[in-house]
Amino acid sequence: MSDKYIPRLKTLYNDEIVKNLEKELNIDNVNKLPKLEKVIISCGVGKKREDKHFTETVALTLEKIAGQAPTSRLAKKSIASFKIRKGMGAPVGYLVTLRNDKMYEFVDRFISIALPHVRDFHGVPTNSFDMQGNYSIGLKEQTVFPEITFEDASVLHGLEVTFIIKNGSKEGSRKLLEAFGMPFEKKESK
């Protein structure tokens, strides 16, 4: 008998959201419903790529937020005005890809804990979907996550969270994220 922990959002998706999406989107095949495939958390280091303390702090905070070690990203192109050469030694950013239980845990913490801590928050933008139905949102500071300590907050940096949705369209992906509790901004009618 195993007492394996199953994330709250995963249980909610399997028990309720699938049935509701079938009705709302008028799709009878479960395999054609939008499903969260992975979440990518990324952060660029910009002009501070040579500052070892800054890059170590970015990597450490991403690891604390995601619960797994980030991979460093090297430059793919040479850009003379930014003094970047393709594949140069210093990383230009860090990336974490979350799947399965860690993904659902992160999404739950992101929606229910981190987003409410954003200053002057009125909902996430509705126009951040791409053509495949993936959704991206940027945060200006990493301090909205409870895992970040005061020492980690001494170096502020932003990050981007991308929700990769399988079988997604803009409408279907939005309904899926709304079912998870994503607080989209309300359009005010004048």
N, C-alpha and C. Protein backbone atom coordinates (compact mmCIF):
# COMPACT_ATOMS: atom_id res chain seq x y z
N MET A 1 0.85 -1.17 0.00
CA MET A 1 0.00 0.00 0.00
C MET A 1 0.89 1.24 0.00
N SER A 2 0.72 2.08 -1.01
CA SER A 2 1.57 3.26 -1.11
C SER A 2 0.75 4.51 -0.89
N ASP A 3 1.31 5.41 -0.11
CA ASP A 3 0.66 6.69 0.17
C ASP A 3 1.36 7.78 -0.62
N LYS A 4 1.45 7.59 -1.91
CA LYS A 4 2.14 8.56 -2.76
C LYS A 4 1.34 9.86 -2.81
N TYR A 5 2.04 10.96 -2.64
CA TYR A 5 1.40 12.27 -2.66
C TYR A 5 1.05 12.66 -4.10
N ILE A 6 -0.18 13.11 -4.31
CA ILE A 6 -0.62 13.59 -5.62
C ILE A 6 -0.97 15.07 -5.46
N PRO A 7 -0.38 15.94 -6.29
CA PRO A 7 -0.66 17.38 -6.17
C PRO A 7 -2.14 17.71 -6.32
N ARG A 8 -2.56 18.74 -5.60
CA ARG A 8 -3.97 19.16 -5.58
C ARG A 8 -4.49 19.49 -6.97
N LEU A 9 -3.70 20.26 -7.77
CA LEU A 9 -4.17 20.65 -9.10
C LEU A 9 -4.27 19.47 -10.06
N LYS A 10 -3.41 18.48 -9.89
CA LYS A 10 -3.45 17.29 -10.75
C LYS A 10 -4.74 16.52 -10.47
N THR A 11 -5.07 16.37 -9.20
CA THR A 11 -6.31 15.70 -8.82
C THR A 11 -7.52 16.48 -9.34
N LEU A 12 -7.49 17.80 -9.18
CA LEU A 12 -8.57 18.65 -9.66
C LEU A 12 -8.74 18.52 -11.17
N TYR A 13 -7.62 18.50 -11.90
CA TYR A 13 -7.67 18.37 -13.36
C TYR A 13 -8.32 17.04 -13.75
N ASN A 14 -7.85 15.95 -13.16
CA ASN A 14 -8.36 14.62 -13.53
C ASN A 14 -9.82 14.41 -13.11
N ASP A 15 -10.22 14.95 -11.96
CA ASP A 15 -11.56 14.69 -11.44
C ASP A 15 -12.63 15.64 -11.97
N GLU A 16 -12.31 16.94 -12.11
CA GLU A 16 -13.34 17.92 -12.45
C GLU A 16 -13.09 18.67 -13.76
N ILE A 17 -11.87 19.17 -13.93
CA ILE A 17 -11.60 20.07 -15.05
C ILE A 17 -11.80 19.38 -16.40
N VAL A 18 -11.40 18.12 -16.52
CA VAL A 18 -11.57 17.39 -17.79
C VAL A 18 -13.04 17.35 -18.19
N LYS A 19 -13.90 17.02 -17.24
CA LYS A 19 -15.35 16.93 -17.54
C LYS A 19 -15.92 18.30 -17.92
N ASN A 20 -15.51 19.33 -17.18
CA ASN A 20 -16.02 20.68 -17.48
C ASN A 20 -15.54 21.18 -18.83
N LEU A 21 -14.27 20.91 -19.17
CA LEU A 21 -13.73 21.34 -20.47
C LEU A 21 -14.41 20.62 -21.63
N GLU A 22 -14.75 19.34 -21.43
CA GLU A 22 -15.46 18.60 -22.47
C GLU A 22 -16.78 19.29 -22.81
N LYS A 23 -17.48 19.74 -21.77
CA LYS A 23 -18.77 20.42 -21.98
C LYS A 23 -18.58 21.81 -22.57
N GLU A 24 -17.67 22.60 -21.99
CA GLU A 24 -17.48 23.98 -22.43
C GLU A 24 -16.95 24.09 -23.85
N LEU A 25 -16.00 23.23 -24.19
CA LEU A 25 -15.37 23.31 -25.52
C LEU A 25 -16.05 22.41 -26.54
N ASN A 26 -17.03 21.63 -26.08
CA ASN A 26 -17.77 20.71 -26.95
C ASN A 26 -16.83 19.73 -27.67
N ILE A 27 -15.94 19.14 -26.89
CA ILE A 27 -15.00 18.14 -27.40
C ILE A 27 -15.31 16.83 -26.67
N ASP A 28 -15.59 15.78 -27.43
CA ASP A 28 -15.96 14.51 -26.81
C ASP A 28 -14.77 13.58 -26.59
N ASN A 29 -13.64 13.84 -27.23
CA ASN A 29 -12.47 13.01 -27.07
C ASN A 29 -11.53 13.63 -26.03
N VAL A 30 -11.25 12.90 -24.95
CA VAL A 30 -10.41 13.41 -23.87
C VAL A 30 -9.01 13.76 -24.38
N ASN A 31 -8.52 13.03 -25.37
CA ASN A 31 -7.17 13.26 -25.88
C ASN A 31 -7.05 14.55 -26.69
N LYS A 32 -8.16 15.16 -27.07
CA LYS A 32 -8.12 16.42 -27.82
C LYS A 32 -8.28 17.65 -26.92
N LEU A 33 -8.50 17.42 -25.63
CA LEU A 33 -8.64 18.52 -24.68
C LEU A 33 -7.29 19.18 -24.42
N PRO A 34 -7.28 20.49 -24.13
CA PRO A 34 -6.02 21.13 -23.75
C PRO A 34 -5.51 20.56 -22.44
N LYS A 35 -4.21 20.30 -22.39
CA LYS A 35 -3.58 19.72 -21.21
C LYS A 35 -2.24 20.39 -20.99
N LEU A 36 -1.96 20.74 -19.75
CA LEU A 36 -0.69 21.35 -19.40
C LEU A 36 0.41 20.32 -19.55
N GLU A 37 1.35 20.59 -20.46
CA GLU A 37 2.42 19.63 -20.75
C GLU A 37 3.67 19.91 -19.92
N LYS A 38 4.09 21.19 -19.86
CA LYS A 38 5.25 21.56 -19.07
C LYS A 38 5.21 23.04 -18.77
N VAL A 39 6.00 23.44 -17.80
CA VAL A 39 6.14 24.84 -17.42
C VAL A 39 7.62 25.17 -17.48
N ILE A 40 7.95 26.26 -18.17
CA ILE A 40 9.34 26.69 -18.31
C ILE A 40 9.51 28.01 -17.56
N ILE A 41 10.48 28.04 -16.65
CA ILE A 41 10.81 29.24 -15.91
C ILE A 41 12.18 29.68 -16.40
N SER A 42 12.27 30.89 -16.90
CA SER A 42 13.55 31.35 -17.45
C SER A 42 13.88 32.75 -16.95
N CYS A 43 15.17 33.04 -16.97
CA CYS A 43 15.64 34.34 -16.53
C CYS A 43 16.90 34.68 -17.28
N GLY A 44 16.93 35.85 -17.90
CA GLY A 44 18.12 36.34 -18.56
C GLY A 44 18.94 37.17 -17.59
N VAL A 45 20.25 37.20 -17.79
CA VAL A 45 21.11 37.98 -16.89
C VAL A 45 21.51 39.31 -17.50
N GLY A 46 21.29 39.50 -18.79
CA GLY A 46 21.51 40.79 -19.43
C GLY A 46 22.93 41.28 -19.34
N LYS A 47 23.07 42.57 -19.04
CA LYS A 47 24.38 43.21 -18.99
C LYS A 47 25.24 42.71 -17.83
N LYS A 48 24.62 42.09 -16.85
CA LYS A 48 25.35 41.63 -15.67
C LYS A 48 25.89 40.21 -15.82
N ARG A 49 26.04 39.72 -17.05
CA ARG A 49 26.47 38.33 -17.27
C ARG A 49 27.88 38.07 -16.77
N GLU A 50 28.71 39.12 -16.66
CA GLU A 50 30.09 38.95 -16.17
C GLU A 50 30.16 39.04 -14.65
N ASP A 51 29.09 39.49 -14.00
CA ASP A 51 29.04 39.61 -12.54
C ASP A 51 28.72 38.24 -11.94
N LYS A 52 29.73 37.59 -11.39
CA LYS A 52 29.58 36.23 -10.90
C LYS A 52 28.57 36.14 -9.75
N HIS A 53 28.56 37.13 -8.86
CA HIS A 53 27.61 37.13 -7.74
C HIS A 53 26.17 37.19 -8.25
N PHE A 54 25.92 38.04 -9.24
CA PHE A 54 24.58 38.18 -9.80
C PHE A 54 24.12 36.88 -10.45
N THR A 55 24.98 36.27 -11.29
CA THR A 55 24.58 35.04 -11.99
C THR A 55 24.38 33.88 -11.02
N GLU A 56 25.20 33.81 -9.97
CA GLU A 56 25.01 32.76 -8.96
C GLU A 56 23.69 32.96 -8.21
N THR A 57 23.35 34.22 -7.92
CA THR A 57 22.10 34.51 -7.22
C THR A 57 20.90 34.14 -8.09
N VAL A 58 20.96 34.45 -9.39
CA VAL A 58 19.87 34.09 -10.30
C VAL A 58 19.69 32.58 -10.34
N ALA A 59 20.79 31.85 -10.47
CA ALA A 59 20.70 30.39 -10.52
C ALA A 59 20.15 29.83 -9.21
N LEU A 60 20.59 30.38 -8.07
CA LEU A 60 20.13 29.91 -6.77
C LEU A 60 18.64 30.19 -6.56
N THR A 61 18.19 31.39 -6.92
CA THR A 61 16.77 31.71 -6.72
C THR A 61 15.88 30.87 -7.64
N LEU A 62 16.32 30.63 -8.87
CA LEU A 62 15.53 29.75 -9.76
C LEU A 62 15.45 28.35 -9.19
N GLU A 63 16.54 27.88 -8.60
CA GLU A 63 16.53 26.54 -8.00
C GLU A 63 15.57 26.48 -6.82
N LYS A 64 15.56 27.54 -6.00
CA LYS A 64 14.64 27.57 -4.84
C LYS A 64 13.19 27.63 -5.29
N ILE A 65 12.92 28.44 -6.31
CA ILE A 65 11.55 28.61 -6.79
C ILE A 65 11.03 27.32 -7.43
N ALA A 66 11.85 26.69 -8.28
CA ALA A 66 11.41 25.54 -9.05
C ALA A 66 11.58 24.21 -8.33
N GLY A 67 12.53 24.14 -7.40
CA GLY A 67 12.76 22.88 -6.73
C GLY A 67 13.70 21.96 -7.50
N GLN A 68 14.33 22.46 -8.53
CA GLN A 68 15.34 21.70 -9.26
C GLN A 68 16.35 22.67 -9.86
N ALA A 69 17.53 22.16 -10.15
CA ALA A 69 18.62 23.00 -10.62
C ALA A 69 18.36 23.51 -12.03
N PRO A 70 18.64 24.80 -12.29
CA PRO A 70 18.46 25.34 -13.64
C PRO A 70 19.64 24.98 -14.54
N THR A 71 19.41 25.05 -15.84
CA THR A 71 20.49 24.88 -16.80
C THR A 71 20.88 26.26 -17.30
N SER A 72 22.18 26.45 -17.52
CA SER A 72 22.63 27.75 -18.02
C SER A 72 22.49 27.77 -19.53
N ARG A 73 22.18 28.93 -20.08
CA ARG A 73 22.01 29.10 -21.51
C ARG A 73 23.11 29.99 -22.04
N LEU A 74 23.76 29.53 -23.10
CA LEU A 74 24.82 30.31 -23.74
C LEU A 74 24.23 31.03 -24.94
N ALA A 75 24.93 32.04 -25.42
CA ALA A 75 24.45 32.83 -26.56
C ALA A 75 24.39 31.96 -27.82
N LYS A 76 23.28 32.07 -28.56
CA LYS A 76 23.12 31.33 -29.81
C LYS A 76 23.64 32.11 -31.01
N LYS A 77 23.71 33.44 -30.86
CA LYS A 77 24.17 34.30 -31.94
C LYS A 77 25.19 35.28 -31.40
N SER A 78 26.02 35.78 -32.29
CA SER A 78 26.95 36.85 -31.93
C SER A 78 26.26 38.18 -32.18
N ILE A 79 26.31 39.07 -31.18
CA ILE A 79 25.73 40.41 -31.31
C ILE A 79 26.80 41.40 -30.86
N ALA A 80 27.37 42.10 -31.83
CA ALA A 80 28.50 42.98 -31.54
C ALA A 80 28.14 44.12 -30.60
N SER A 81 26.97 44.72 -30.77
CA SER A 81 26.60 45.87 -29.94
C SER A 81 26.42 45.50 -28.47
N PHE A 82 26.13 44.23 -28.18
CA PHE A 82 26.00 43.77 -26.80
C PHE A 82 27.27 43.08 -26.31
N LYS A 83 28.30 43.04 -27.15
CA LYS A 83 29.56 42.39 -26.83
C LYS A 83 29.36 40.92 -26.47
N ILE A 84 28.55 40.24 -27.28
CA ILE A 84 28.26 38.83 -27.08
C ILE A 84 28.75 38.05 -28.30
N ARG A 85 29.48 36.97 -28.02
CA ARG A 85 29.89 36.07 -29.09
C ARG A 85 29.19 34.75 -28.90
N LYS A 86 28.86 34.11 -30.02
CA LYS A 86 28.15 32.84 -29.99
C LYS A 86 28.90 31.83 -29.12
N GLY A 87 28.19 31.25 -28.15
CA GLY A 87 28.75 30.22 -27.29
C GLY A 87 29.79 30.69 -26.29
N MET A 88 29.88 31.99 -26.04
CA MET A 88 30.90 32.49 -25.13
C MET A 88 30.70 31.92 -23.72
N GLY A 89 31.74 31.95 -22.93
CA GLY A 89 31.77 31.28 -21.64
C GLY A 89 30.71 31.68 -20.64
N ALA A 90 30.41 32.96 -20.49
CA ALA A 90 29.45 33.40 -19.48
C ALA A 90 28.02 33.13 -19.95
N PRO A 91 27.19 32.57 -19.09
CA PRO A 91 25.80 32.31 -19.48
C PRO A 91 25.02 33.61 -19.69
N VAL A 92 24.10 33.61 -20.64
CA VAL A 92 23.24 34.78 -20.86
C VAL A 92 21.89 34.61 -20.18
N GLY A 93 21.65 33.43 -19.62
CA GLY A 93 20.40 33.19 -18.92
C GLY A 93 20.36 31.81 -18.30
N TYR A 94 19.28 31.55 -17.56
CA TYR A 94 19.07 30.26 -16.92
C TYR A 94 17.65 29.80 -17.20
N LEU A 95 17.44 28.49 -17.19
CA LEU A 95 16.17 27.91 -17.58
C LEU A 95 15.88 26.67 -16.76
N VAL A 96 14.63 26.52 -16.35
CA VAL A 96 14.18 25.32 -15.65
C VAL A 96 12.91 24.83 -16.35
N THR A 97 12.85 23.55 -16.65
CA THR A 97 11.66 22.95 -17.25
C THR A 97 11.04 22.00 -16.23
N LEU A 98 9.78 22.24 -15.89
CA LEU A 98 9.07 21.42 -14.91
C LEU A 98 8.01 20.58 -15.61
N ARG A 99 7.92 19.31 -15.21
CA ARG A 99 6.92 18.40 -15.75
C ARG A 99 6.27 17.62 -14.61
N ASN A 100 5.13 17.00 -14.90
CA ASN A 100 4.43 16.11 -13.98
C ASN A 100 4.12 16.76 -12.63
N ASP A 101 4.42 16.06 -11.52
CA ASP A 101 4.01 16.53 -10.20
C ASP A 101 4.65 17.86 -9.82
N LYS A 102 5.95 18.05 -10.14
CA LYS A 102 6.61 19.32 -9.82
C LYS A 102 5.96 20.47 -10.57
N MET A 103 5.51 20.22 -11.78
CA MET A 103 4.84 21.25 -12.58
C MET A 103 3.53 21.67 -11.91
N TYR A 104 2.71 20.69 -11.52
CA TYR A 104 1.43 21.01 -10.89
C TYR A 104 1.64 21.73 -9.55
N GLU A 105 2.64 21.31 -8.79
CA GLU A 105 2.94 21.97 -7.53
C GLU A 105 3.34 23.43 -7.76
N PHE A 106 4.20 23.67 -8.76
CA PHE A 106 4.62 25.03 -9.05
C PHE A 106 3.44 25.89 -9.49
N VAL A 107 2.60 25.38 -10.39
CA VAL A 107 1.45 26.15 -10.89
C VAL A 107 0.53 26.50 -9.73
N ASP A 108 0.32 25.57 -8.82
CA ASP A 108 -0.53 25.83 -7.66
C ASP A 108 0.06 26.95 -6.80
N ARG A 109 1.38 26.89 -6.51
CA ARG A 109 2.03 27.93 -5.71
C ARG A 109 2.04 29.27 -6.46
N PHE A 110 2.26 29.22 -7.77
CA PHE A 110 2.33 30.43 -8.57
C PHE A 110 0.99 31.17 -8.57
N ILE A 111 -0.11 30.43 -8.78
CA ILE A 111 -1.43 31.05 -8.88
C ILE A 111 -1.97 31.46 -7.51
N SER A 112 -1.81 30.61 -6.51
CA SER A 112 -2.46 30.89 -5.23
C SER A 112 -1.60 31.67 -4.24
N ILE A 113 -0.27 31.66 -4.42
CA ILE A 113 0.59 32.36 -3.46
C ILE A 113 1.36 33.52 -4.09
N ALA A 114 2.05 33.27 -5.21
CA ALA A 114 2.94 34.28 -5.78
C ALA A 114 2.19 35.43 -6.43
N LEU A 115 1.21 35.13 -7.29
CA LEU A 115 0.50 36.21 -7.99
C LEU A 115 -0.20 37.19 -7.05
N PRO A 116 -0.84 36.72 -5.97
CA PRO A 116 -1.45 37.70 -5.05
C PRO A 116 -0.44 38.63 -4.37
N HIS A 117 0.85 38.28 -4.37
CA HIS A 117 1.87 39.13 -3.75
C HIS A 117 2.45 40.16 -4.71
N VAL A 118 2.02 40.14 -5.97
CA VAL A 118 2.51 41.11 -6.93
C VAL A 118 1.90 42.48 -6.60
N ARG A 119 2.75 43.50 -6.58
CA ARG A 119 2.29 44.84 -6.22
C ARG A 119 1.36 45.39 -7.31
N ASP A 120 0.28 46.04 -6.92
CA ASP A 120 -0.72 46.63 -7.82
C ASP A 120 -1.22 45.62 -8.84
N PHE A 121 -1.60 44.46 -8.37
CA PHE A 121 -2.01 43.37 -9.25
C PHE A 121 -3.49 43.48 -9.59
N HIS A 122 -3.79 43.49 -10.88
CA HIS A 122 -5.18 43.56 -11.33
C HIS A 122 -5.53 42.39 -12.24
N GLY A 123 -4.75 41.35 -12.21
CA GLY A 123 -4.96 40.19 -13.06
C GLY A 123 -3.86 40.08 -14.10
N VAL A 124 -3.70 38.87 -14.64
CA VAL A 124 -2.68 38.65 -15.66
C VAL A 124 -3.26 39.05 -17.02
N PRO A 125 -2.42 39.51 -17.94
CA PRO A 125 -2.93 39.95 -19.25
C PRO A 125 -3.53 38.80 -20.05
N THR A 126 -4.56 39.12 -20.83
CA THR A 126 -5.23 38.10 -21.64
C THR A 126 -4.62 37.97 -23.03
N ASN A 127 -3.70 38.85 -23.39
CA ASN A 127 -3.16 38.84 -24.75
C ASN A 127 -1.77 38.20 -24.82
N SER A 128 -1.41 37.35 -23.87
CA SER A 128 -0.09 36.73 -23.86
C SER A 128 -0.09 35.30 -24.36
N PHE A 129 -1.10 34.92 -25.13
CA PHE A 129 -1.15 33.59 -25.72
C PHE A 129 -0.50 33.62 -27.09
N ASP A 130 0.23 32.56 -27.45
CA ASP A 130 0.76 32.48 -28.80
C ASP A 130 -0.22 31.67 -29.67
N MET A 131 0.15 31.42 -30.91
CA MET A 131 -0.76 30.75 -31.85
C MET A 131 -1.07 29.31 -31.45
N GLN A 132 -0.16 28.66 -30.73
CA GLN A 132 -0.39 27.28 -30.30
C GLN A 132 -1.16 27.19 -28.99
N GLY A 133 -1.45 28.33 -28.38
CA GLY A 133 -2.19 28.33 -27.13
C GLY A 133 -1.30 28.33 -25.89
N ASN A 134 0.02 28.48 -26.06
CA ASN A 134 0.92 28.57 -24.91
C ASN A 134 0.80 29.95 -24.30
N TYR A 135 1.01 30.03 -23.00
CA TYR A 135 0.83 31.30 -22.29
C TYR A 135 2.12 31.69 -21.57
N SER A 136 2.53 32.95 -21.70
CA SER A 136 3.74 33.45 -21.04
C SER A 136 3.40 34.66 -20.19
N ILE A 137 4.04 34.72 -19.03
CA ILE A 137 3.87 35.87 -18.14
C ILE A 137 5.22 36.20 -17.53
N GLY A 138 5.52 37.49 -17.47
CA GLY A 138 6.78 37.94 -16.88
C GLY A 138 6.55 38.58 -15.54
N LEU A 139 7.48 38.38 -14.65
CA LEU A 139 7.45 39.01 -13.32
C LEU A 139 8.67 39.91 -13.19
N LYS A 140 8.49 41.09 -12.62
CA LYS A 140 9.59 42.05 -12.48
C LYS A 140 10.53 41.69 -11.34
N GLU A 141 10.02 41.00 -10.32
CA GLU A 141 10.84 40.66 -9.16
C GLU A 141 10.58 39.22 -8.76
N GLN A 142 11.61 38.58 -8.24
CA GLN A 142 11.48 37.20 -7.77
C GLN A 142 10.97 37.14 -6.34
N THR A 143 10.82 38.29 -5.70
CA THR A 143 10.47 38.33 -4.28
C THR A 143 9.02 37.94 -3.99
N VAL A 144 8.19 37.75 -5.01
CA VAL A 144 6.80 37.37 -4.77
C VAL A 144 6.68 35.91 -4.34
N PHE A 145 7.75 35.13 -4.52
CA PHE A 145 7.72 33.73 -4.12
C PHE A 145 8.15 33.61 -2.66
N PRO A 146 7.43 32.82 -1.87
CA PRO A 146 7.76 32.71 -0.44
C PRO A 146 9.08 32.00 -0.17
N GLU A 147 9.63 31.29 -1.14
CA GLU A 147 10.89 30.58 -0.94
C GLU A 147 12.09 31.52 -0.90
N ILE A 148 11.91 32.75 -1.38
CA ILE A 148 13.00 33.70 -1.47
C ILE A 148 13.20 34.39 -0.12
N THR A 149 14.41 34.30 0.40
CA THR A 149 14.73 34.91 1.69
C THR A 149 15.16 36.36 1.49
N PHE A 150 15.37 37.05 2.59
CA PHE A 150 15.81 38.44 2.54
C PHE A 150 17.17 38.56 1.87
N GLU A 151 18.06 37.61 2.13
CA GLU A 151 19.40 37.64 1.52
C GLU A 151 19.31 37.47 0.00
N ASP A 152 18.40 36.60 -0.45
CA ASP A 152 18.22 36.39 -1.88
C ASP A 152 17.63 37.62 -2.56
N ALA A 153 16.87 38.41 -1.81
CA ALA A 153 16.20 39.58 -2.38
C ALA A 153 17.13 40.78 -2.50
N SER A 154 18.36 40.65 -2.02
CA SER A 154 19.30 41.77 -2.13
C SER A 154 19.67 42.03 -3.59
N VAL A 155 19.58 41.01 -4.42
CA VAL A 155 19.82 41.15 -5.86
C VAL A 155 18.49 40.88 -6.56
N LEU A 156 17.86 41.94 -7.08
CA LEU A 156 16.56 41.78 -7.73
C LEU A 156 16.73 41.44 -9.20
N HIS A 157 15.88 40.55 -9.68
CA HIS A 157 15.85 40.21 -11.10
C HIS A 157 14.45 39.70 -11.43
N GLY A 158 14.10 39.80 -12.68
CA GLY A 158 12.81 39.32 -13.13
C GLY A 158 12.92 37.90 -13.64
N LEU A 159 11.79 37.34 -14.01
CA LEU A 159 11.78 36.02 -14.62
C LEU A 159 10.52 35.86 -15.46
N GLU A 160 10.54 34.87 -16.33
CA GLU A 160 9.39 34.62 -17.19
C GLU A 160 8.92 33.19 -16.99
N VAL A 161 7.61 33.03 -16.90
CA VAL A 161 7.00 31.71 -16.75
C VAL A 161 6.18 31.44 -17.99
N THR A 162 6.44 30.31 -18.65
CA THR A 162 5.72 29.93 -19.86
C THR A 162 5.00 28.61 -19.62
N PHE A 163 3.70 28.60 -19.87
CA PHE A 163 2.88 27.41 -19.74
C PHE A 163 2.74 26.78 -21.13
N ILE A 164 3.31 25.62 -21.35
CA ILE A 164 3.22 24.92 -22.63
C ILE A 164 2.01 24.00 -22.55
N ILE A 165 1.04 24.25 -23.43
CA ILE A 165 -0.24 23.54 -23.38
C ILE A 165 -0.41 22.70 -24.64
N LYS A 166 -0.58 21.41 -24.44
CA LYS A 166 -0.78 20.47 -25.54
C LYS A 166 -2.23 20.56 -26.02
N ASN A 167 -2.43 20.49 -27.32
CA ASN A 167 -3.77 20.58 -27.94
C ASN A 167 -4.44 21.91 -27.63
N GLY A 168 -3.67 22.94 -27.45
CA GLY A 168 -4.24 24.21 -27.03
C GLY A 168 -4.58 25.12 -28.19
N SER A 169 -5.62 25.87 -28.00
CA SER A 169 -5.95 27.02 -28.83
C SER A 169 -6.02 28.18 -27.84
N LYS A 170 -6.13 29.40 -28.32
CA LYS A 170 -6.19 30.52 -27.37
C LYS A 170 -7.38 30.37 -26.42
N GLU A 171 -8.52 30.00 -26.98
CA GLU A 171 -9.73 29.87 -26.16
C GLU A 171 -9.63 28.69 -25.21
N GLY A 172 -9.21 27.53 -25.73
CA GLY A 172 -9.11 26.33 -24.90
C GLY A 172 -8.07 26.46 -23.80
N SER A 173 -6.94 27.06 -24.14
CA SER A 173 -5.89 27.25 -23.15
C SER A 173 -6.34 28.21 -22.05
N ARG A 174 -7.05 29.26 -22.44
CA ARG A 174 -7.52 30.20 -21.44
C ARG A 174 -8.53 29.52 -20.50
N LYS A 175 -9.42 28.71 -21.05
CA LYS A 175 -10.39 28.00 -20.20
C LYS A 175 -9.67 27.06 -19.23
N LEU A 176 -8.62 26.38 -19.71
CA LEU A 176 -7.85 25.49 -18.85
C LEU A 176 -7.19 26.26 -17.72
N LEU A 177 -6.53 27.37 -18.05
CA LEU A 177 -5.86 28.16 -17.01
C LEU A 177 -6.85 28.79 -16.05
N GLU A 178 -8.01 29.20 -16.55
CA GLU A 178 -9.06 29.73 -15.66
C GLU A 178 -9.54 28.65 -14.70
N ALA A 179 -9.64 27.42 -15.20
CA ALA A 179 -10.07 26.32 -14.34
C ALA A 179 -9.04 26.05 -13.24
N PHE A 180 -7.77 26.28 -13.54
CA PHE A 180 -6.73 26.14 -12.52
C PHE A 180 -6.76 27.29 -11.52
N GLY A 181 -7.45 28.38 -11.87
CA GLY A 181 -7.56 29.53 -10.97
C GLY A 181 -6.75 30.73 -11.39
N MET A 182 -6.24 30.75 -12.63
CA MET A 182 -5.45 31.89 -13.11
C MET A 182 -6.32 33.13 -13.14
N PRO A 183 -5.93 34.20 -12.44
CA PRO A 183 -6.76 35.42 -12.37
C PRO A 183 -6.51 36.35 -13.56
N PHE A 184 -7.24 36.16 -14.65
CA PHE A 184 -7.09 37.03 -15.81
C PHE A 184 -7.72 38.39 -15.51
N GLU A 185 -7.14 39.44 -16.10
CA GLU A 185 -7.65 40.78 -15.85
C GLU A 185 -9.03 40.93 -16.49
N LYS A 186 -9.87 41.70 -15.83
CA LYS A 186 -11.22 41.94 -16.31
C LYS A 186 -11.21 43.18 -17.19
N LYS A 187 -11.88 43.10 -18.31
CA LYS A 187 -12.01 44.26 -19.20
C LYS A 187 -13.13 45.14 -18.66
N GLU A 188 -12.80 46.39 -18.45
CA GLU A 188 -13.82 47.34 -17.95
C GLU A 188 -14.62 47.90 -19.12
N SER A 189 -15.93 47.83 -19.02
CA SER A 189 -16.78 48.38 -20.06
C SER A 189 -17.11 49.83 -19.71
N LYS A 190 -17.00 50.70 -20.70
CA LYS A 190 -17.24 52.13 -20.44
C LYS A 190 -18.54 52.56 -21.03
